[in-house]
Amino acid sequence: MSQFTEQVLEAYELAKEARGKAHCPYSRFQVGAAIKFKGNDNIYRGCNVENASYGATICAERTALVSGIADQGKQIVEFVVVVTDTSPATQPCALCLQVLAEFSEPQTPIYLANKKLIESETSFGKLLPNPFTEFKV
C-alpha cells in the first residue's frame, strides 16, 4: 500500500503527463507540476514554458498555480507535486517558492518526484522559511 493519498498519486500522474508537454528548447529540462487547493477537488497541472526572452519563461509550478487561480480565484494550496527527471528529485526554484508564498502555509506539503516515483515529501516552510511578505508601513 502506498504512503501517499489517492489525490497525491493522481496529482503525480497529472504532473508527469504535463511534464511531457513542456516547451523547453533552451534548457531541455522538462518539469511538470500539479497543485490542489484546500476545499476544492480539482487538481491543476502545469509545465514549464520557455521563451527566447528568458525572463518571459514560466515554470511548471507557477503555470499550475495561475491556472487554478484563473479557474477558482484566490485559494490556499493544499499540496504541490513537482516532477522532473532527476534523482534526487528537483525542488521548486526560489521564484516559484516566493510566488507560492502568497497562497501556501508553512506546513503545505511539497512532493518531489521523478518519472519513476515520488521520492520525498517536504514542506513549503522548509523550502522557503522566510518568504518576502506584504510590505506594511
N, C-alpha and C. Protein backbone atom coordinates (compact mmCIF):
# COMPACT_ATOMS: atom_id res chain seq x y z
N MET A 1 0.84 -1.19 0.00
CA MET A 1 0.00 0.00 0.00
C MET A 1 0.88 1.25 0.00
N SER A 2 0.50 2.24 -0.79
CA SER A 2 1.28 3.46 -0.92
C SER A 2 1.14 4.33 0.32
N GLN A 3 2.19 5.07 0.61
CA GLN A 3 2.15 6.02 1.72
C GLN A 3 1.48 7.33 1.33
N PHE A 4 1.13 7.46 0.05
CA PHE A 4 0.54 8.70 -0.44
C PHE A 4 -0.96 8.53 -0.68
N THR A 5 -1.71 9.59 -0.49
CA THR A 5 -3.16 9.54 -0.70
C THR A 5 -3.47 9.37 -2.19
N GLU A 6 -4.70 8.98 -2.47
CA GLU A 6 -5.14 8.85 -3.86
C GLU A 6 -5.02 10.17 -4.60
N GLN A 7 -5.33 11.28 -3.93
CA GLN A 7 -5.24 12.59 -4.58
C GLN A 7 -3.79 12.95 -4.91
N VAL A 8 -2.87 12.64 -4.03
CA VAL A 8 -1.45 12.92 -4.31
C VAL A 8 -0.98 12.05 -5.48
N LEU A 9 -1.38 10.79 -5.50
CA LEU A 9 -0.99 9.92 -6.61
C LEU A 9 -1.61 10.37 -7.93
N GLU A 10 -2.85 10.83 -7.89
CA GLU A 10 -3.48 11.38 -9.09
C GLU A 10 -2.74 12.61 -9.56
N ALA A 11 -2.38 13.49 -8.64
CA ALA A 11 -1.65 14.70 -8.98
C ALA A 11 -0.28 14.35 -9.57
N TYR A 12 0.36 13.34 -9.02
CA TYR A 12 1.65 12.87 -9.55
C TYR A 12 1.50 12.45 -11.02
N GLU A 13 0.47 11.67 -11.32
CA GLU A 13 0.25 11.23 -12.70
C GLU A 13 -0.04 12.42 -13.62
N LEU A 14 -0.82 13.37 -13.15
CA LEU A 14 -1.11 14.56 -13.95
C LEU A 14 0.14 15.41 -14.17
N ALA A 15 0.98 15.51 -13.16
CA ALA A 15 2.23 16.28 -13.29
C ALA A 15 3.19 15.59 -14.26
N LYS A 16 3.24 14.26 -14.21
CA LYS A 16 4.08 13.52 -15.17
C LYS A 16 3.60 13.77 -16.60
N GLU A 17 2.29 13.72 -16.79
CA GLU A 17 1.73 13.97 -18.11
C GLU A 17 2.03 15.39 -18.59
N ALA A 18 1.86 16.36 -17.70
CA ALA A 18 2.15 17.76 -18.05
C ALA A 18 3.62 17.95 -18.38
N ARG A 19 4.49 17.27 -17.66
CA ARG A 19 5.93 17.35 -17.92
C ARG A 19 6.24 17.03 -19.38
N GLY A 20 5.55 16.05 -19.92
CA GLY A 20 5.77 15.66 -21.31
C GLY A 20 5.36 16.71 -22.32
N LYS A 21 4.61 17.71 -21.88
CA LYS A 21 4.16 18.78 -22.77
C LYS A 21 4.99 20.06 -22.62
N ALA A 22 6.02 20.01 -21.79
CA ALA A 22 6.85 21.19 -21.55
C ALA A 22 7.46 21.71 -22.85
N HIS A 23 7.55 23.02 -22.94
CA HIS A 23 8.22 23.68 -24.08
C HIS A 23 9.54 24.21 -23.53
N CYS A 24 10.61 23.45 -23.74
CA CYS A 24 11.90 23.81 -23.13
C CYS A 24 13.05 23.61 -24.13
N PRO A 25 13.02 24.34 -25.26
CA PRO A 25 14.07 24.16 -26.26
C PRO A 25 15.44 24.70 -25.84
N TYR A 26 15.50 25.49 -24.78
CA TYR A 26 16.76 26.10 -24.37
C TYR A 26 17.44 25.28 -23.28
N SER A 27 16.72 24.95 -22.25
CA SER A 27 17.31 24.19 -21.14
C SER A 27 17.21 22.69 -21.37
N ARG A 28 16.22 22.26 -22.13
CA ARG A 28 15.92 20.84 -22.34
C ARG A 28 15.62 20.15 -20.99
N PHE A 29 15.11 20.91 -20.05
CA PHE A 29 14.80 20.42 -18.71
C PHE A 29 13.29 20.47 -18.52
N GLN A 30 12.63 19.34 -18.72
CA GLN A 30 11.18 19.27 -18.62
C GLN A 30 10.75 19.17 -17.16
N VAL A 31 9.76 19.99 -16.81
CA VAL A 31 9.20 19.97 -15.46
C VAL A 31 7.68 19.95 -15.57
N GLY A 32 7.07 19.14 -14.74
CA GLY A 32 5.62 19.12 -14.62
C GLY A 32 5.26 19.36 -13.17
N ALA A 33 4.12 19.97 -12.95
CA ALA A 33 3.67 20.22 -11.58
C ALA A 33 2.17 20.06 -11.52
N ALA A 34 1.69 19.77 -10.32
CA ALA A 34 0.26 19.71 -10.06
C ALA A 34 0.00 20.30 -8.69
N ILE A 35 -1.08 21.06 -8.60
CA ILE A 35 -1.44 21.74 -7.36
C ILE A 35 -2.90 21.45 -7.04
N LYS A 36 -3.14 21.16 -5.78
CA LYS A 36 -4.51 21.01 -5.28
C LYS A 36 -4.72 22.09 -4.23
N PHE A 37 -5.88 22.73 -4.31
CA PHE A 37 -6.25 23.76 -3.34
C PHE A 37 -7.16 23.17 -2.28
N LYS A 38 -7.13 23.73 -1.09
CA LYS A 38 -7.99 23.27 0.00
C LYS A 38 -9.46 23.52 -0.36
N GLY A 39 -10.31 22.56 -0.01
CA GLY A 39 -11.73 22.71 -0.24
C GLY A 39 -12.15 22.61 -1.69
N ASN A 40 -11.28 22.10 -2.54
CA ASN A 40 -11.56 22.00 -3.98
C ASN A 40 -11.00 20.67 -4.46
N ASP A 41 -11.80 19.87 -5.11
CA ASP A 41 -11.34 18.56 -5.58
C ASP A 41 -10.53 18.61 -6.86
N ASN A 42 -10.54 19.75 -7.56
CA ASN A 42 -9.78 19.85 -8.81
C ASN A 42 -8.29 19.85 -8.55
N ILE A 43 -7.57 19.26 -9.48
CA ILE A 43 -6.10 19.30 -9.45
C ILE A 43 -5.66 20.04 -10.70
N TYR A 44 -4.85 21.06 -10.52
CA TYR A 44 -4.40 21.90 -11.62
C TYR A 44 -2.96 21.54 -11.96
N ARG A 45 -2.70 21.35 -13.23
CA ARG A 45 -1.36 20.95 -13.64
C ARG A 45 -0.72 22.04 -14.49
N GLY A 46 0.58 21.95 -14.59
CA GLY A 46 1.32 22.90 -15.40
C GLY A 46 2.64 22.32 -15.83
N CYS A 47 3.22 22.93 -16.85
CA CYS A 47 4.55 22.55 -17.32
C CYS A 47 5.35 23.84 -17.53
N ASN A 48 6.66 23.68 -17.61
CA ASN A 48 7.47 24.86 -17.88
C ASN A 48 7.34 25.23 -19.36
N VAL A 49 7.28 26.55 -19.61
CA VAL A 49 7.17 27.08 -20.95
C VAL A 49 8.26 28.14 -21.10
N GLU A 50 9.31 27.77 -21.84
CA GLU A 50 10.44 28.68 -22.03
C GLU A 50 10.18 29.63 -23.19
N ASN A 51 10.98 30.70 -23.22
CA ASN A 51 10.85 31.72 -24.24
C ASN A 51 12.25 32.22 -24.59
N ALA A 52 12.43 32.63 -25.83
CA ALA A 52 13.73 33.15 -26.27
C ALA A 52 14.14 34.34 -25.41
N SER A 53 13.17 35.09 -24.92
CA SER A 53 13.43 36.13 -23.94
C SER A 53 13.33 35.44 -22.58
N TYR A 54 14.46 35.00 -22.06
CA TYR A 54 14.46 34.11 -20.90
C TYR A 54 13.60 34.59 -19.74
N GLY A 55 13.52 35.89 -19.55
CA GLY A 55 12.72 36.43 -18.46
C GLY A 55 11.23 36.15 -18.62
N ALA A 56 10.80 35.83 -19.84
CA ALA A 56 9.39 35.53 -20.10
C ALA A 56 9.06 34.06 -19.84
N THR A 57 10.06 33.28 -19.50
CA THR A 57 9.85 31.86 -19.19
C THR A 57 9.00 31.72 -17.93
N ILE A 58 8.13 30.71 -17.91
CA ILE A 58 7.34 30.45 -16.71
C ILE A 58 7.53 28.99 -16.32
N CYS A 59 7.73 28.77 -15.04
CA CYS A 59 7.96 27.42 -14.51
C CYS A 59 6.65 26.66 -14.36
N ALA A 60 6.76 25.35 -14.26
CA ALA A 60 5.59 24.48 -14.15
C ALA A 60 4.75 24.79 -12.91
N GLU A 61 5.40 25.06 -11.79
CA GLU A 61 4.67 25.31 -10.56
C GLU A 61 3.80 26.56 -10.68
N ARG A 62 4.36 27.61 -11.27
CA ARG A 62 3.59 28.84 -11.44
C ARG A 62 2.49 28.67 -12.48
N THR A 63 2.75 27.87 -13.52
CA THR A 63 1.71 27.60 -14.52
C THR A 63 0.52 26.91 -13.86
N ALA A 64 0.78 25.91 -13.03
CA ALA A 64 -0.30 25.21 -12.34
C ALA A 64 -1.04 26.15 -11.39
N LEU A 65 -0.29 26.95 -10.65
CA LEU A 65 -0.89 27.87 -9.69
C LEU A 65 -1.80 28.87 -10.38
N VAL A 66 -1.32 29.52 -11.42
CA VAL A 66 -2.14 30.54 -12.07
C VAL A 66 -3.33 29.93 -12.79
N SER A 67 -3.22 28.70 -13.26
CA SER A 67 -4.37 28.02 -13.86
C SER A 67 -5.47 27.84 -12.82
N GLY A 68 -5.09 27.41 -11.63
CA GLY A 68 -6.06 27.22 -10.57
C GLY A 68 -6.69 28.52 -10.11
N ILE A 69 -5.90 29.56 -10.00
CA ILE A 69 -6.42 30.86 -9.58
C ILE A 69 -7.34 31.43 -10.66
N ALA A 70 -6.96 31.25 -11.94
CA ALA A 70 -7.82 31.73 -13.02
C ALA A 70 -9.16 31.01 -13.01
N ASP A 71 -9.17 29.75 -12.59
CA ASP A 71 -10.40 28.96 -12.57
C ASP A 71 -11.22 29.19 -11.31
N GLN A 72 -10.57 29.33 -10.16
CA GLN A 72 -11.28 29.34 -8.88
C GLN A 72 -11.13 30.64 -8.07
N GLY A 73 -10.24 31.52 -8.47
CA GLY A 73 -9.94 32.68 -7.64
C GLY A 73 -8.90 32.32 -6.61
N LYS A 74 -8.58 33.28 -5.75
CA LYS A 74 -7.54 33.04 -4.75
C LYS A 74 -7.94 31.89 -3.83
N GLN A 75 -7.02 30.96 -3.65
CA GLN A 75 -7.24 29.78 -2.84
C GLN A 75 -5.97 29.53 -2.00
N ILE A 76 -6.11 28.67 -1.01
CA ILE A 76 -4.95 28.22 -0.23
C ILE A 76 -4.53 26.86 -0.78
N VAL A 77 -3.24 26.71 -1.06
CA VAL A 77 -2.71 25.47 -1.61
C VAL A 77 -2.75 24.37 -0.55
N GLU A 78 -3.28 23.21 -0.94
CA GLU A 78 -3.28 22.04 -0.05
C GLU A 78 -1.99 21.26 -0.19
N PHE A 79 -1.54 21.05 -1.46
CA PHE A 79 -0.25 20.41 -1.71
C PHE A 79 0.20 20.69 -3.13
N VAL A 80 1.50 20.46 -3.35
CA VAL A 80 2.13 20.63 -4.66
C VAL A 80 2.92 19.37 -4.97
N VAL A 81 2.86 18.93 -6.22
CA VAL A 81 3.70 17.83 -6.71
C VAL A 81 4.55 18.38 -7.85
N VAL A 82 5.85 18.13 -7.80
CA VAL A 82 6.77 18.57 -8.85
C VAL A 82 7.47 17.34 -9.41
N VAL A 83 7.45 17.19 -10.75
CA VAL A 83 8.07 16.05 -11.41
C VAL A 83 9.13 16.52 -12.40
N THR A 84 10.33 16.00 -12.22
CA THR A 84 11.44 16.22 -13.15
C THR A 84 11.96 14.84 -13.56
N ASP A 85 13.13 14.80 -14.13
CA ASP A 85 13.75 13.51 -14.45
C ASP A 85 15.11 13.44 -13.78
N THR A 86 15.16 13.84 -12.51
CA THR A 86 16.41 13.83 -11.77
C THR A 86 16.26 12.95 -10.53
N SER A 87 17.40 12.52 -10.03
CA SER A 87 17.41 11.81 -8.75
C SER A 87 18.69 12.25 -8.04
N PRO A 88 18.55 12.91 -6.90
CA PRO A 88 17.30 13.19 -6.21
C PRO A 88 16.43 14.16 -7.01
N ALA A 89 15.13 14.09 -6.75
CA ALA A 89 14.16 14.93 -7.43
C ALA A 89 14.45 16.41 -7.14
N THR A 90 14.14 17.24 -8.11
CA THR A 90 14.43 18.67 -8.03
C THR A 90 13.31 19.42 -7.32
N GLN A 91 13.68 20.33 -6.45
CA GLN A 91 12.69 21.15 -5.74
C GLN A 91 12.36 22.40 -6.55
N PRO A 92 11.26 23.08 -6.24
CA PRO A 92 10.90 24.32 -6.94
C PRO A 92 11.99 25.37 -6.79
N CYS A 93 12.11 26.21 -7.80
CA CYS A 93 13.09 27.30 -7.74
C CYS A 93 12.62 28.36 -6.75
N ALA A 94 13.50 29.26 -6.39
CA ALA A 94 13.19 30.30 -5.41
C ALA A 94 12.08 31.22 -5.89
N LEU A 95 12.05 31.52 -7.18
CA LEU A 95 11.00 32.38 -7.71
C LEU A 95 9.63 31.72 -7.55
N CYS A 96 9.54 30.42 -7.86
CA CYS A 96 8.27 29.71 -7.67
C CYS A 96 7.87 29.67 -6.20
N LEU A 97 8.84 29.41 -5.34
CA LEU A 97 8.53 29.37 -3.91
C LEU A 97 8.01 30.73 -3.44
N GLN A 98 8.61 31.80 -3.91
CA GLN A 98 8.15 33.13 -3.50
C GLN A 98 6.72 33.38 -3.98
N VAL A 99 6.40 32.97 -5.20
CA VAL A 99 5.04 33.15 -5.70
C VAL A 99 4.07 32.27 -4.89
N LEU A 100 4.47 31.05 -4.62
CA LEU A 100 3.63 30.15 -3.80
C LEU A 100 3.40 30.70 -2.40
N ALA A 101 4.30 31.55 -1.91
CA ALA A 101 4.21 32.07 -0.54
C ALA A 101 2.89 32.79 -0.28
N GLU A 102 2.32 33.42 -1.29
CA GLU A 102 1.06 34.14 -1.10
C GLU A 102 -0.15 33.22 -0.99
N PHE A 103 0.05 31.93 -1.31
CA PHE A 103 -1.07 31.00 -1.37
C PHE A 103 -0.84 29.74 -0.54
N SER A 104 0.27 29.68 0.17
CA SER A 104 0.64 28.48 0.92
C SER A 104 0.84 28.80 2.39
N GLU A 105 0.83 27.73 3.18
CA GLU A 105 1.14 27.82 4.60
C GLU A 105 2.46 27.12 4.85
N PRO A 106 3.15 27.41 5.94
CA PRO A 106 4.44 26.76 6.18
C PRO A 106 4.37 25.23 6.13
N GLN A 107 3.26 24.64 6.56
CA GLN A 107 3.14 23.18 6.60
C GLN A 107 2.63 22.58 5.28
N THR A 108 2.38 23.38 4.27
CA THR A 108 1.89 22.86 2.99
C THR A 108 2.87 21.82 2.44
N PRO A 109 2.40 20.59 2.17
CA PRO A 109 3.29 19.55 1.66
C PRO A 109 3.72 19.82 0.22
N ILE A 110 4.99 19.58 -0.05
CA ILE A 110 5.56 19.65 -1.39
C ILE A 110 6.16 18.27 -1.66
N TYR A 111 5.64 17.60 -2.69
CA TYR A 111 6.12 16.27 -3.06
C TYR A 111 7.07 16.40 -4.23
N LEU A 112 8.27 15.86 -4.08
CA LEU A 112 9.31 15.93 -5.11
C LEU A 112 9.43 14.57 -5.76
N ALA A 113 9.33 14.55 -7.10
CA ALA A 113 9.24 13.28 -7.81
C ALA A 113 10.02 13.31 -9.11
N ASN A 114 10.22 12.11 -9.64
CA ASN A 114 10.75 11.96 -10.99
C ASN A 114 9.80 11.04 -11.75
N LYS A 115 10.19 10.59 -12.94
CA LYS A 115 9.29 9.79 -13.76
C LYS A 115 9.01 8.42 -13.16
N LYS A 116 9.82 7.99 -12.21
CA LYS A 116 9.65 6.66 -11.63
C LYS A 116 8.82 6.64 -10.36
N LEU A 117 8.98 7.66 -9.51
CA LEU A 117 8.30 7.66 -8.22
C LEU A 117 8.36 9.01 -7.54
N ILE A 118 7.51 9.16 -6.52
CA ILE A 118 7.60 10.31 -5.63
C ILE A 118 8.72 9.98 -4.66
N GLU A 119 9.80 10.75 -4.72
CA GLU A 119 10.99 10.45 -3.91
C GLU A 119 10.90 10.97 -2.49
N SER A 120 10.29 12.14 -2.33
CA SER A 120 10.28 12.70 -0.98
C SER A 120 9.13 13.67 -0.79
N GLU A 121 8.85 13.93 0.47
CA GLU A 121 7.87 14.93 0.87
C GLU A 121 8.58 15.91 1.80
N THR A 122 8.37 17.18 1.53
CA THR A 122 8.89 18.22 2.39
C THR A 122 7.75 19.20 2.64
N SER A 123 8.05 20.33 3.23
CA SER A 123 7.01 21.33 3.44
C SER A 123 7.45 22.65 2.84
N PHE A 124 6.48 23.47 2.53
CA PHE A 124 6.78 24.79 1.98
C PHE A 124 7.72 25.55 2.91
N GLY A 125 7.42 25.53 4.21
CA GLY A 125 8.22 26.27 5.18
C GLY A 125 9.67 25.82 5.26
N LYS A 126 9.93 24.55 4.99
CA LYS A 126 11.32 24.07 4.98
C LYS A 126 12.06 24.57 3.75
N LEU A 127 11.34 24.68 2.62
CA LEU A 127 11.98 25.12 1.39
C LEU A 127 12.16 26.64 1.34
N LEU A 128 11.24 27.37 1.95
CA LEU A 128 11.33 28.83 1.99
C LEU A 128 10.91 29.31 3.39
N PRO A 129 11.84 29.24 4.34
CA PRO A 129 11.48 29.55 5.73
C PRO A 129 11.17 31.02 5.99
N ASN A 130 11.69 31.92 5.17
CA ASN A 130 11.48 33.35 5.39
C ASN A 130 11.06 34.04 4.10
N PRO A 131 9.84 33.80 3.64
CA PRO A 131 9.41 34.41 2.39
C PRO A 131 9.25 35.92 2.55
N PHE A 132 9.40 36.61 1.44
CA PHE A 132 9.12 38.04 1.40
C PHE A 132 7.60 38.17 1.47
N THR A 133 7.12 38.95 2.40
CA THR A 133 5.67 39.10 2.57
C THR A 133 5.27 40.54 2.32
N GLU A 134 3.97 40.75 2.39
CA GLU A 134 3.40 42.07 2.13
C GLU A 134 4.12 43.15 2.93
N PHE A 135 4.44 44.22 2.25
CA PHE A 135 5.08 45.37 2.90
C PHE A 135 4.05 46.13 3.70
N LYS A 136 4.34 46.39 4.95
CA LYS A 136 3.41 47.14 5.81
C LYS A 136 4.12 48.35 6.38
N VAL A 137 3.44 49.49 6.32
CA VAL A 137 4.00 50.75 6.84
C VAL A 137 3.58 50.94 8.28
